[in-house]
Amino acid sequence: MNLAYGVKDRPTFGKMIVFAFQQVLAILAATIVVPVIINGNVADLIKNGAVAWTEGPTMNQAAALFGAGAGTIIYLLFTKFRSPVFLGSSFAFLGSMTAAFAGAISAQAGFVGLILGAVFAGLVYVAIAVAVKFAGVRWVNKLMPAVVIGPTVSLIGLALAGNAIGDAMSKSKLGNYDAVNGVFNMDAASWISLACALVTLITIVLCSVYGKKMGKLIPFIIGIAAGYAVASCLTLIGIKTGNDALKVVDWSAFSNLKWVPEFTFLTAFKGIKEINGSYVATIAFAYIPVAFVVFAEHIADHKNLSSIIGEDLLKEPGLHRTLLGDGVGSMVGAFFGGCPNTTYGESIGCVAITGNASVVTILTTAILCMAASFFAPFVALLSTIPSCVMGGVCITLYGFIAVSGLKMIQKVDLGENRNLFVVATILITGIGGLALQIGSVTITKIAVALILGIIVNLITPNKAEKAVKAEAEKVEAENE
């Protein structure tokens, strides 16, 4: 695709700050929601008596934001500033992180588990990176050609579609969703939520299509500002009239500002003495298998990003470097924020839509996240952006991920049954939600779909490759 800024391009300082802020908005919701989910899971453990302790410190959103920024800088260093993508809190490790608290003697010990788990997962990436360094990446291309990676990338976007719509309809009461017919029974709150999401979505679309210069490069900032403005006006009217359906924005975050992030390692230091061999083994079994699963998604993300920027990242800087950056970046991110990191599809989607692949923008985004984590009003402001507004943003971001995958299979001969079966297997098992629970390990639907796609691809002959090989053997025989 035509990029407004290439990987090595450097926008002017003012533009760079604006572009970085846009990336922050794109990755924000997912990055800071992971600590919220884990805190909720821990609260359930306490409520159900699943742990011996009844209270303790909770994971901190500002710390997760700092950890994501620090992890991204580590990643950029390992990849020689060639891969323009942000690393944020990984959803794949939610079960592992909950297990870290469930098996801990105290909440403080659970924080030690978060760091240990990220180290175990990171070491898996390091081990694979060493193997790739010596064995090369040809085996990766053999296992995962375009016919496998293309639909898998599409699946990543399609699998998130429900999240985007769920956010867009966030003010709808759960009981208003008819799961049988797949429709919302719309009430006033539902219409308000949808209206804010559509204002955001349409603004982004118009800016991207008709925008000039900066307007075309920052559609998300403009779209979120428009959606937030509408939501704020409705909220003020709701407060004035006492109409709860109109209260879209929650500004309560400003009432309890914390200026210094509660870093994970500070709490973990208090629980080190409570760690034993059994707990370390529990953490290892909770994290290591998931790391192998996330490896597949790592490749899919980098294949997708490669197609967008027009450079094969698996060759330069190399898969071993992206793995090392991701693995060590996860360790650093968890040390500060408790969350293992992963390359974000939202960030890749932002690059694709805006055409801004400047790696300096990603670096600035990481620095901005780290600095912002110490500025409580800024973190509070970002947290007040309504889910319905972010839903409008995510419709475009996740949609572009899905489309990027479809573009990868444009040159694949779908007239050949073998290719049809590979694509069909991946899409149907993935969209159908075929996830597997093996002991304490959850193999995500994307990983299952990818594995099945690889198997179908390997057990069915590739006629084109077979013909090329036969022709090469014939030429070689004639030359002899």
Protein backbone atom coordinates (compact mmCIF):
# COMPACT_ATOMS: atom_id res chain seq x y z
CA MET A 1 0.00 0.00 0.00
CA ASN A 2 1.05 3.63 -0.42
CA LEU A 3 2.40 4.90 2.89
CA ALA A 4 2.31 8.55 3.91
CA TYR A 5 5.31 7.85 6.16
CA GLY A 6 7.63 4.90 5.67
CA VAL A 7 9.29 2.94 8.46
CA LYS A 8 12.39 5.14 8.46
CA ASP A 9 10.59 8.46 7.90
CA ARG A 10 10.56 11.02 10.70
CA PRO A 11 7.55 13.39 10.89
CA THR A 12 8.09 16.87 12.28
CA PHE A 13 8.03 17.05 16.08
CA GLY A 14 4.52 18.51 16.34
CA LYS A 15 3.02 15.97 13.95
CA MET A 16 4.89 13.14 15.64
CA ILE A 17 3.33 13.97 19.01
CA VAL A 18 -0.14 14.05 17.44
CA PHE A 19 0.43 10.74 15.61
CA ALA A 20 1.75 9.15 18.81
CA PHE A 21 -1.32 10.31 20.76
CA GLN A 22 -3.48 8.66 18.11
CA GLN A 23 -1.63 5.37 18.64
CA VAL A 24 -2.17 5.76 22.39
CA LEU A 25 -5.89 6.07 21.81
CA ALA A 26 -5.87 3.03 19.53
CA ILE A 27 -4.15 0.74 22.06
CA LEU A 28 -5.46 2.30 25.26
CA ALA A 29 -8.66 0.38 25.93
CA ALA A 30 -7.18 -3.09 25.53
CA THR A 31 -3.98 -2.25 27.42
CA ILE A 32 -5.62 -0.95 30.57
CA VAL A 33 -8.60 -3.30 30.61
CA VAL A 34 -6.45 -6.38 31.35
CA PRO A 35 -5.67 -5.23 34.93
CA VAL A 36 -9.37 -4.45 35.40
CA ILE A 37 -10.35 -7.99 34.33
CA ILE A 38 -7.73 -9.60 36.59
CA ASN A 39 -8.84 -7.47 39.56
CA GLY A 40 -12.38 -8.66 38.95
CA ASN A 41 -11.24 -12.29 38.76
CA VAL A 42 -9.27 -11.91 42.00
CA ALA A 43 -12.31 -10.35 43.68
CA ASP A 44 -14.31 -13.42 42.64
CA LEU A 45 -11.62 -15.72 44.07
CA ILE A 46 -11.85 -13.89 47.40
CA LYS A 47 -15.66 -13.87 47.34
CA ASN A 48 -15.85 -17.60 46.63
CA GLY A 49 -13.25 -18.45 49.26
CA ALA A 50 -10.88 -19.88 46.64
CA VAL A 51 -7.90 -18.17 48.30
CA ALA A 52 -6.84 -17.97 51.93
CA TRP A 53 -6.44 -14.19 51.96
CA THR A 54 -9.35 -11.77 51.99
CA GLU A 55 -7.79 -8.56 50.72
CA GLY A 56 -4.64 -7.21 49.14
CA PRO A 57 -3.24 -4.83 46.51
CA THR A 58 -4.79 -4.72 43.08
CA MET A 59 -3.21 -4.41 39.65
CA ASN A 60 -2.77 -0.82 38.51
CA GLN A 61 -3.82 0.54 35.11
CA ALA A 62 -1.18 3.29 35.05
CA ALA A 63 1.51 0.71 35.80
CA ALA A 64 0.24 -1.46 32.93
CA LEU A 65 0.47 1.56 30.62
CA PHE A 66 4.06 2.21 31.76
CA GLY A 67 4.94 -1.48 31.31
CA ALA A 68 3.52 -1.49 27.78
CA GLY A 69 5.61 1.55 26.87
CA ALA A 70 8.79 0.08 28.39
CA GLY A 71 8.19 -3.29 26.69
CA THR A 72 7.67 -1.58 23.34
CA ILE A 73 11.00 0.26 23.61
CA ILE A 74 12.75 -3.06 24.34
CA TYR A 75 11.04 -4.58 21.30
CA LEU A 76 12.12 -1.70 19.06
CA LEU A 77 15.71 -2.06 20.24
CA PHE A 78 15.79 -5.79 19.47
CA THR A 79 14.20 -5.27 16.04
CA LYS A 80 16.66 -2.48 15.14
CA PHE A 81 13.78 0.00 14.85
CA ARG A 82 12.44 -1.77 11.74
CA SER A 83 9.05 -3.00 12.99
CA PRO A 84 6.44 -0.25 13.62
CA VAL A 85 4.08 -1.86 16.12
CA PHE A 86 3.18 -1.23 19.76
CA LEU A 87 3.24 -3.95 22.42
CA GLY A 88 0.39 -3.92 24.93
CA SER A 89 -1.15 -6.13 27.63
CA SER A 90 -1.87 -9.61 26.29
CA PHE A 91 -5.35 -11.11 26.68
CA ALA A 92 -3.98 -14.60 25.97
CA PHE A 93 -2.49 -14.77 29.48
CA LEU A 94 -5.64 -13.79 31.39
CA GLY A 95 -6.14 -17.36 32.62
CA SER A 96 -2.48 -17.67 33.54
CA MET A 97 -2.50 -14.39 35.47
CA THR A 98 -5.61 -15.45 37.40
CA ALA A 99 -3.91 -18.77 38.19
CA ALA A 100 -0.94 -16.83 39.60
CA PHE A 101 -3.23 -15.36 42.26
CA ALA A 102 -5.34 -18.48 42.76
CA GLY A 103 -2.27 -20.52 43.76
CA ALA A 104 -0.59 -17.81 45.85
CA ILE A 105 -0.27 -17.80 49.63
CA SER A 106 -0.96 -14.05 49.65
CA ALA A 107 -1.84 -11.29 47.22
CA GLN A 108 1.76 -10.07 47.39
CA ALA A 109 2.98 -13.54 46.40
CA GLY A 110 0.56 -13.41 43.47
CA PHE A 111 2.42 -10.38 42.15
CA VAL A 112 5.65 -12.39 42.29
CA GLY A 113 3.83 -15.01 40.22
CA LEU A 114 2.95 -12.41 37.59
CA ILE A 115 6.61 -11.56 37.10
CA LEU A 116 7.79 -15.19 37.22
CA GLY A 117 5.15 -16.19 34.68
CA ALA A 118 6.21 -13.47 32.25
CA VAL A 119 9.82 -14.61 32.62
CA PHE A 120 8.84 -18.22 31.81
CA ALA A 121 6.81 -17.10 28.78
CA GLY A 122 9.60 -14.80 27.64
CA LEU A 123 12.15 -17.60 27.89
CA VAL A 124 9.99 -19.70 25.56
CA TYR A 125 10.28 -16.93 22.98
CA VAL A 126 14.03 -16.71 23.58
CA ALA A 127 14.41 -20.48 23.05
CA ILE A 128 12.39 -20.37 19.82
CA ALA A 129 14.39 -17.34 18.67
CA VAL A 130 17.66 -19.26 19.14
CA ALA A 131 16.23 -22.18 17.14
CA VAL A 132 15.11 -19.83 14.36
CA LYS A 133 18.53 -18.15 14.30
CA PHE A 134 20.22 -21.46 13.49
CA ALA A 135 17.47 -23.15 11.45
CA GLY A 136 16.28 -20.09 9.50
CA VAL A 137 12.70 -19.17 8.63
CA ARG A 138 12.11 -21.35 5.57
CA TRP A 139 10.34 -23.89 7.75
CA VAL A 140 7.97 -21.13 8.90
CA ASN A 141 7.07 -20.27 5.31
CA LYS A 142 6.65 -23.97 4.61
CA LEU A 143 4.31 -24.49 7.55
CA MET A 144 2.47 -21.19 7.16
CA PRO A 145 2.28 -19.98 3.55
CA ALA A 146 -0.16 -17.27 2.43
CA VAL A 147 -3.05 -19.74 2.20
CA VAL A 148 -2.66 -20.42 5.94
CA ILE A 149 -1.59 -17.03 7.28
CA GLY A 150 -4.10 -14.99 5.22
CA PRO A 151 -7.31 -16.46 6.68
CA THR A 152 -5.68 -16.60 10.13
CA VAL A 153 -5.02 -12.86 10.06
CA SER A 154 -8.59 -12.30 8.89
CA LEU A 155 -9.76 -14.47 11.75
CA ILE A 156 -7.92 -12.29 14.28
CA GLY A 157 -10.01 -9.34 13.12
CA LEU A 158 -13.25 -11.31 12.82
CA ALA A 159 -12.78 -12.87 16.26
CA LEU A 160 -12.70 -9.38 17.74
CA ALA A 161 -15.85 -8.26 15.92
CA GLY A 162 -18.05 -9.23 18.86
CA ASN A 163 -15.90 -7.10 21.18
CA ALA A 164 -16.31 -4.08 18.91
CA ILE A 165 -20.10 -4.44 18.78
CA GLY A 166 -20.26 -5.18 22.48
CA ASP A 167 -18.42 -1.92 23.18
CA ALA A 168 -20.60 -0.03 20.72
CA MET A 169 -23.68 -1.26 22.59
CA SER A 170 -22.06 -0.97 26.02
CA LYS A 171 -24.95 0.89 27.67
CA SER A 172 -27.40 -1.82 26.68
CA LYS A 173 -28.55 -3.93 29.58
CA LEU A 174 -27.36 -7.54 29.30
CA GLY A 175 -30.91 -8.78 29.33
CA ASN A 176 -31.68 -6.72 26.24
CA TYR A 177 -29.57 -8.98 24.03
CA ASP A 178 -31.53 -11.81 22.41
CA ALA A 179 -28.85 -14.51 22.04
CA VAL A 180 -31.19 -16.82 20.10
CA ASN A 181 -31.93 -14.37 17.31
CA GLY A 182 -28.70 -12.40 17.73
CA VAL A 183 -30.37 -8.98 18.08
CA PHE A 184 -30.59 -6.22 20.67
CA ASN A 185 -34.01 -5.32 22.04
CA MET A 186 -33.34 -1.61 21.85
CA ASP A 187 -34.15 0.64 24.78
CA ALA A 188 -33.24 4.30 25.23
CA ALA A 189 -29.76 3.49 26.61
CA SER A 190 -29.10 1.18 23.66
CA TRP A 191 -29.93 3.90 21.13
CA ILE A 192 -27.77 6.44 22.94
CA SER A 193 -24.82 4.06 23.03
CA LEU A 194 -25.20 3.17 19.36
CA ALA A 195 -25.53 6.84 18.37
CA CYS A 196 -22.20 7.73 20.03
CA ALA A 197 -20.51 4.75 18.37
CA LEU A 198 -21.87 5.72 14.94
CA VAL A 199 -20.82 9.36 15.31
CA THR A 200 -17.29 8.14 16.04
CA LEU A 201 -17.30 5.60 13.20
CA ILE A 202 -18.68 7.95 10.54
CA THR A 203 -16.31 10.74 11.54
CA ILE A 204 -13.32 8.39 11.19
CA VAL A 205 -14.55 7.18 7.79
CA LEU A 206 -15.13 10.71 6.47
CA CYS A 207 -11.73 11.91 7.69
CA SER A 208 -9.95 8.91 6.17
CA VAL A 209 -11.69 9.22 2.81
CA TYR A 210 -12.15 12.97 2.37
CA GLY A 211 -9.62 14.38 4.83
CA LYS A 212 -6.76 16.58 3.65
CA LYS A 213 -3.22 16.42 4.99
CA MET A 214 -3.40 16.07 8.80
CA GLY A 215 -7.11 15.31 8.77
CA LYS A 216 -6.40 12.15 6.80
CA LEU A 217 -3.55 11.14 9.09
CA ILE A 218 -5.35 11.54 12.43
CA PRO A 219 -8.87 10.20 11.80
CA PHE A 220 -9.00 8.41 15.16
CA ILE A 221 -8.26 11.51 17.20
CA ILE A 222 -10.92 13.47 15.34
CA GLY A 223 -13.40 10.58 15.52
CA ILE A 224 -12.91 9.99 19.24
CA ALA A 225 -13.12 13.75 19.92
CA ALA A 226 -16.43 13.90 18.03
CA GLY A 227 -17.86 10.86 19.82
CA TYR A 228 -16.64 12.09 23.21
CA ALA A 229 -18.15 15.55 22.61
CA VAL A 230 -21.55 14.07 21.78
CA ALA A 231 -21.37 11.70 24.74
CA SER A 232 -20.40 14.54 27.09
CA CYS A 233 -23.28 16.73 25.94
CA LEU A 234 -25.73 13.87 26.42
CA THR A 235 -24.27 13.14 29.86
CA LEU A 236 -24.64 16.76 30.98
CA ILE A 237 -28.26 16.74 29.82
CA GLY A 238 -28.78 13.43 31.65
CA ILE A 239 -27.33 14.84 34.87
CA LYS A 240 -29.48 17.96 34.57
CA THR A 241 -32.70 16.05 33.86
CA GLY A 242 -31.97 12.97 35.99
CA ASN A 243 -32.16 10.69 32.95
CA ASP A 244 -29.75 7.79 33.51
CA ALA A 245 -30.00 6.61 29.90
CA LEU A 246 -28.22 9.79 28.79
CA LYS A 247 -25.34 9.45 31.26
CA VAL A 248 -22.73 8.01 28.91
CA VAL A 249 -19.52 9.43 30.39
CA ASP A 250 -18.36 8.55 33.90
CA TRP A 251 -16.07 11.28 35.27
CA SER A 252 -15.64 9.67 38.70
CA ALA A 253 -12.02 8.77 37.87
CA PHE A 254 -11.08 12.39 38.56
CA SER A 255 -12.18 12.08 42.20
CA ASN A 256 -9.37 9.68 43.19
CA LEU A 257 -6.18 10.65 41.37
CA LYS A 258 -3.00 8.63 41.95
CA TRP A 259 0.11 10.38 40.67
CA VAL A 260 2.61 7.53 41.03
CA PRO A 261 1.89 4.16 39.37
CA GLU A 262 1.78 1.18 41.72
CA PHE A 263 4.46 -0.87 39.98
CA THR A 264 4.19 -4.65 40.21
CA PHE A 265 7.77 -5.23 41.34
CA LEU A 266 7.29 -3.01 44.40
CA THR A 267 4.45 -5.20 45.65
CA ALA A 268 6.21 -8.40 44.54
CA PHE A 269 9.24 -7.64 46.72
CA LYS A 270 6.96 -7.98 49.77
CA GLY A 271 5.88 -11.49 48.77
CA ILE A 272 9.17 -13.09 47.71
CA LYS A 273 9.59 -14.89 51.05
CA GLU A 274 6.26 -16.68 50.53
CA ILE A 275 7.32 -18.37 47.27
CA ASN A 276 8.05 -22.11 47.23
CA GLY A 277 8.95 -24.69 44.59
CA SER A 278 5.39 -25.95 44.22
CA TYR A 279 4.11 -22.47 43.44
CA VAL A 280 6.90 -21.86 40.90
CA ALA A 281 5.94 -25.12 39.14
CA THR A 282 2.30 -24.03 39.10
CA ILE A 283 3.27 -20.75 37.44
CA ALA A 284 5.44 -22.55 34.88
CA PHE A 285 2.58 -24.86 33.86
CA ALA A 286 0.19 -21.90 33.67
CA TYR A 287 2.37 -19.70 31.44
CA ILE A 288 4.69 -21.83 29.27
CA PRO A 289 2.03 -23.65 27.18
CA VAL A 290 0.26 -20.35 26.47
CA ALA A 291 3.53 -18.85 25.20
CA PHE A 292 3.70 -21.55 22.50
CA VAL A 293 0.15 -20.72 21.48
CA VAL A 294 0.85 -16.97 21.31
CA PHE A 295 3.91 -17.71 19.12
CA ALA A 296 1.54 -18.58 16.28
CA GLU A 297 -0.27 -15.26 16.66
CA HIS A 298 3.13 -13.50 16.77
CA ILE A 299 3.93 -14.82 13.31
CA ALA A 300 0.49 -13.93 11.96
CA ASP A 301 0.79 -10.35 13.26
CA HIS A 302 4.23 -9.86 11.71
CA LYS A 303 3.15 -11.37 8.40
CA ASN A 304 0.24 -8.94 8.38
CA LEU A 305 2.44 -5.96 9.25
CA SER A 306 4.93 -7.04 6.58
CA SER A 307 2.23 -6.92 3.91
CA ILE A 308 1.26 -3.40 5.03
CA ILE A 309 4.75 -1.87 5.05
CA GLY A 310 6.02 -3.84 2.05
CA GLU A 311 8.96 -5.39 3.90
CA ASP A 312 9.31 -8.98 5.12
CA LEU A 313 9.96 -8.60 8.83
CA LEU A 314 10.62 -12.32 9.20
CA LYS A 315 13.74 -11.81 7.05
CA GLU A 316 14.79 -8.32 8.12
CA PRO A 317 15.27 -7.68 11.00
CA GLY A 318 14.42 -11.39 11.25
CA LEU A 319 11.96 -13.58 13.13
CA HIS A 320 14.57 -14.31 15.81
CA ARG A 321 14.80 -10.59 16.57
CA THR A 322 11.02 -10.02 16.68
CA LEU A 323 10.70 -13.02 19.00
CA LEU A 324 13.47 -11.77 21.28
CA GLY A 325 11.90 -8.30 21.32
CA ASP A 326 8.47 -9.69 22.13
CA GLY A 327 9.76 -12.10 24.76
CA VAL A 328 12.08 -9.73 26.60
CA GLY A 329 9.55 -6.91 26.16
CA SER A 330 6.96 -9.07 27.92
CA MET A 331 9.31 -9.67 30.84
CA VAL A 332 9.97 -5.95 31.22
CA GLY A 333 6.29 -5.08 30.82
CA ALA A 334 5.25 -7.54 33.53
CA PHE A 335 8.03 -6.37 35.87
CA PHE A 336 6.43 -2.92 35.90
CA GLY A 337 2.76 -3.57 35.13
CA GLY A 338 2.19 -7.28 35.74
CA CYS A 339 0.97 -7.98 32.20
CA PRO A 340 2.94 -9.92 29.56
CA ASN A 341 2.93 -7.90 26.33
CA THR A 342 2.13 -8.80 22.76
CA THR A 343 2.08 -7.02 19.41
CA TYR A 344 -1.25 -5.24 19.08
CA GLY A 345 -3.60 -5.66 16.15
CA GLU A 346 -5.08 -2.25 17.01
CA SER A 347 -1.65 -0.69 16.44
CA ILE A 348 -1.21 -2.53 13.14
CA GLY A 349 -4.70 -1.45 12.07
CA CYS A 350 -3.84 2.15 12.90
CA VAL A 351 -0.73 1.91 10.68
CA ALA A 352 -2.80 0.44 7.85
CA ILE A 353 -5.60 3.01 7.96
CA THR A 354 -3.44 6.12 8.38
CA GLY A 355 -0.56 4.99 6.18
CA ASN A 356 1.86 6.09 8.90
CA ALA A 357 4.46 3.35 9.42
CA SER A 358 7.07 5.63 11.00
CA VAL A 359 8.81 3.65 13.71
CA VAL A 360 9.71 6.94 15.40
CA THR A 361 5.98 7.44 15.96
CA ILE A 362 5.83 4.09 17.79
CA LEU A 363 8.85 5.07 19.89
CA THR A 364 7.17 8.38 20.76
CA THR A 365 3.98 6.48 21.64
CA ALA A 366 5.92 4.29 24.08
CA ILE A 367 7.58 7.31 25.72
CA LEU A 368 4.22 9.12 25.88
CA CYS A 369 2.63 6.11 27.63
CA MET A 370 5.42 5.97 30.19
CA ALA A 371 5.27 9.71 30.87
CA ALA A 372 1.46 9.75 30.95
CA SER A 373 1.36 7.03 33.62
CA PHE A 374 2.78 9.61 36.08
CA PHE A 375 0.25 12.29 35.08
CA ALA A 376 -2.90 11.24 36.89
CA PRO A 377 -5.35 13.67 35.21
CA PHE A 378 -4.29 12.43 31.77
CA VAL A 379 -4.74 8.78 32.73
CA ALA A 380 -8.10 9.67 34.29
CA LEU A 381 -9.19 11.53 31.14
CA LEU A 382 -8.30 8.58 28.92
CA SER A 383 -10.20 6.21 31.22
CA THR A 384 -13.36 8.33 30.86
CA ILE A 385 -13.61 7.73 27.12
CA PRO A 386 -16.85 5.74 26.91
CA SER A 387 -16.75 2.14 25.68
CA CYS A 388 -19.33 2.96 23.02
CA VAL A 389 -16.99 5.58 21.52
CA MET A 390 -14.12 3.06 21.49
CA GLY A 391 -16.53 0.58 19.90
CA GLY A 392 -16.88 2.89 16.92
CA VAL A 393 -13.09 3.02 16.66
CA CYS A 394 -12.68 -0.74 16.95
CA ILE A 395 -15.15 -1.45 14.15
CA THR A 396 -12.65 0.15 11.77
CA LEU A 397 -9.49 -1.22 13.41
CA TYR A 398 -10.65 -4.83 13.61
CA GLY A 399 -12.22 -4.57 10.16
CA PHE A 400 -8.90 -3.55 8.63
CA ILE A 401 -7.18 -6.51 10.26
CA ALA A 402 -9.73 -8.83 8.64
CA VAL A 403 -9.33 -7.14 5.25
CA SER A 404 -5.52 -7.31 5.49
CA GLY A 405 -5.79 -11.07 5.81
CA LEU A 406 -8.07 -11.30 2.78
CA LYS A 407 -5.56 -9.29 0.75
CA MET A 408 -2.90 -11.91 1.55
CA ILE A 409 -4.89 -14.63 -0.24
CA GLN A 410 -5.71 -12.56 -3.34
CA LYS A 411 -3.01 -14.39 -5.31
CA VAL A 412 -3.88 -17.80 -3.89
CA ASP A 413 -5.62 -20.08 -6.38
CA LEU A 414 -8.94 -20.73 -4.65
CA GLY A 415 -10.01 -22.77 -7.67
CA GLU A 416 -7.83 -25.55 -6.25
CA ASN A 417 -9.73 -27.66 -3.73
CA ARG A 418 -6.68 -28.00 -1.50
CA ASN A 419 -6.54 -24.24 -0.93
CA LEU A 420 -10.29 -24.05 -0.42
CA PHE A 421 -10.15 -26.69 2.31
CA VAL A 422 -7.31 -24.92 4.11
CA VAL A 423 -9.10 -21.56 4.11
CA ALA A 424 -12.46 -23.10 4.97
CA THR A 425 -11.02 -25.07 7.90
CA ILE A 426 -9.39 -22.00 9.43
CA LEU A 427 -12.34 -19.66 9.02
CA ILE A 428 -15.09 -22.01 10.14
CA THR A 429 -13.31 -23.48 13.17
CA GLY A 430 -12.15 -20.00 14.19
CA ILE A 431 -15.43 -18.17 13.70
CA GLY A 432 -17.27 -21.14 15.21
CA GLY A 433 -15.20 -20.68 18.36
CA LEU A 434 -13.37 -24.02 18.56
CA ALA A 435 -11.22 -23.36 21.64
CA LEU A 436 -9.82 -26.26 23.68
CA GLN A 437 -9.30 -26.57 27.41
CA ILE A 438 -6.52 -29.05 28.25
CA GLY A 439 -6.00 -29.11 31.99
CA SER A 440 -5.27 -25.55 33.06
CA VAL A 441 -4.23 -24.53 29.54
CA THR A 442 -6.66 -22.87 27.14
CA ILE A 443 -5.78 -23.12 23.46
CA THR A 444 -7.53 -20.14 21.87
CA LYS A 445 -9.80 -20.52 18.87
CA ILE A 446 -7.30 -18.64 16.70
CA ALA A 447 -4.49 -20.99 17.69
CA VAL A 448 -6.69 -24.07 17.14
CA ALA A 449 -7.77 -22.80 13.73
CA LEU A 450 -4.17 -22.09 12.74
CA ILE A 451 -2.98 -25.52 13.86
CA LEU A 452 -5.77 -27.27 11.93
CA GLY A 453 -5.02 -25.11 8.89
CA ILE A 454 -1.35 -26.13 9.03
CA ILE A 455 -2.31 -29.81 9.29
CA VAL A 456 -4.69 -29.65 6.30
CA ASN A 457 -2.06 -27.75 4.32
CA LEU A 458 0.60 -30.39 5.07
CA ILE A 459 -1.51 -33.50 4.38
CA THR A 460 -2.81 -32.29 1.00
CA PRO A 461 -0.43 -32.09 -1.98
CA ASN A 462 0.36 -28.71 -3.51
CA LYS A 463 0.00 -29.30 -7.26
CA ALA A 464 1.79 -26.08 -8.17
CA GLU A 465 4.82 -26.87 -6.00
CA LYS A 466 4.80 -30.47 -7.21
CA ALA A 467 4.82 -29.34 -10.84
CA VAL A 468 7.68 -26.89 -10.22
CA LYS A 469 9.68 -29.58 -8.43
CA ALA A 470 9.06 -32.09 -11.25
CA GLU A 471 10.16 -29.54 -13.84
CA ALA A 472 13.31 -28.76 -11.88
CA GLU A 473 14.14 -32.48 -11.62
CA LYS A 474 13.55 -32.90 -15.37
CA VAL A 475 15.91 -30.02 -16.21
CA GLU A 476 18.52 -31.42 -13.84
CA ALA A 477 18.26 -34.88 -15.45
CA GLU A 478 18.64 -33.40 -18.95
CA ASN A 479 21.74 -31.46 -17.91
CA GLU A 480 23.33 -34.65 -16.64
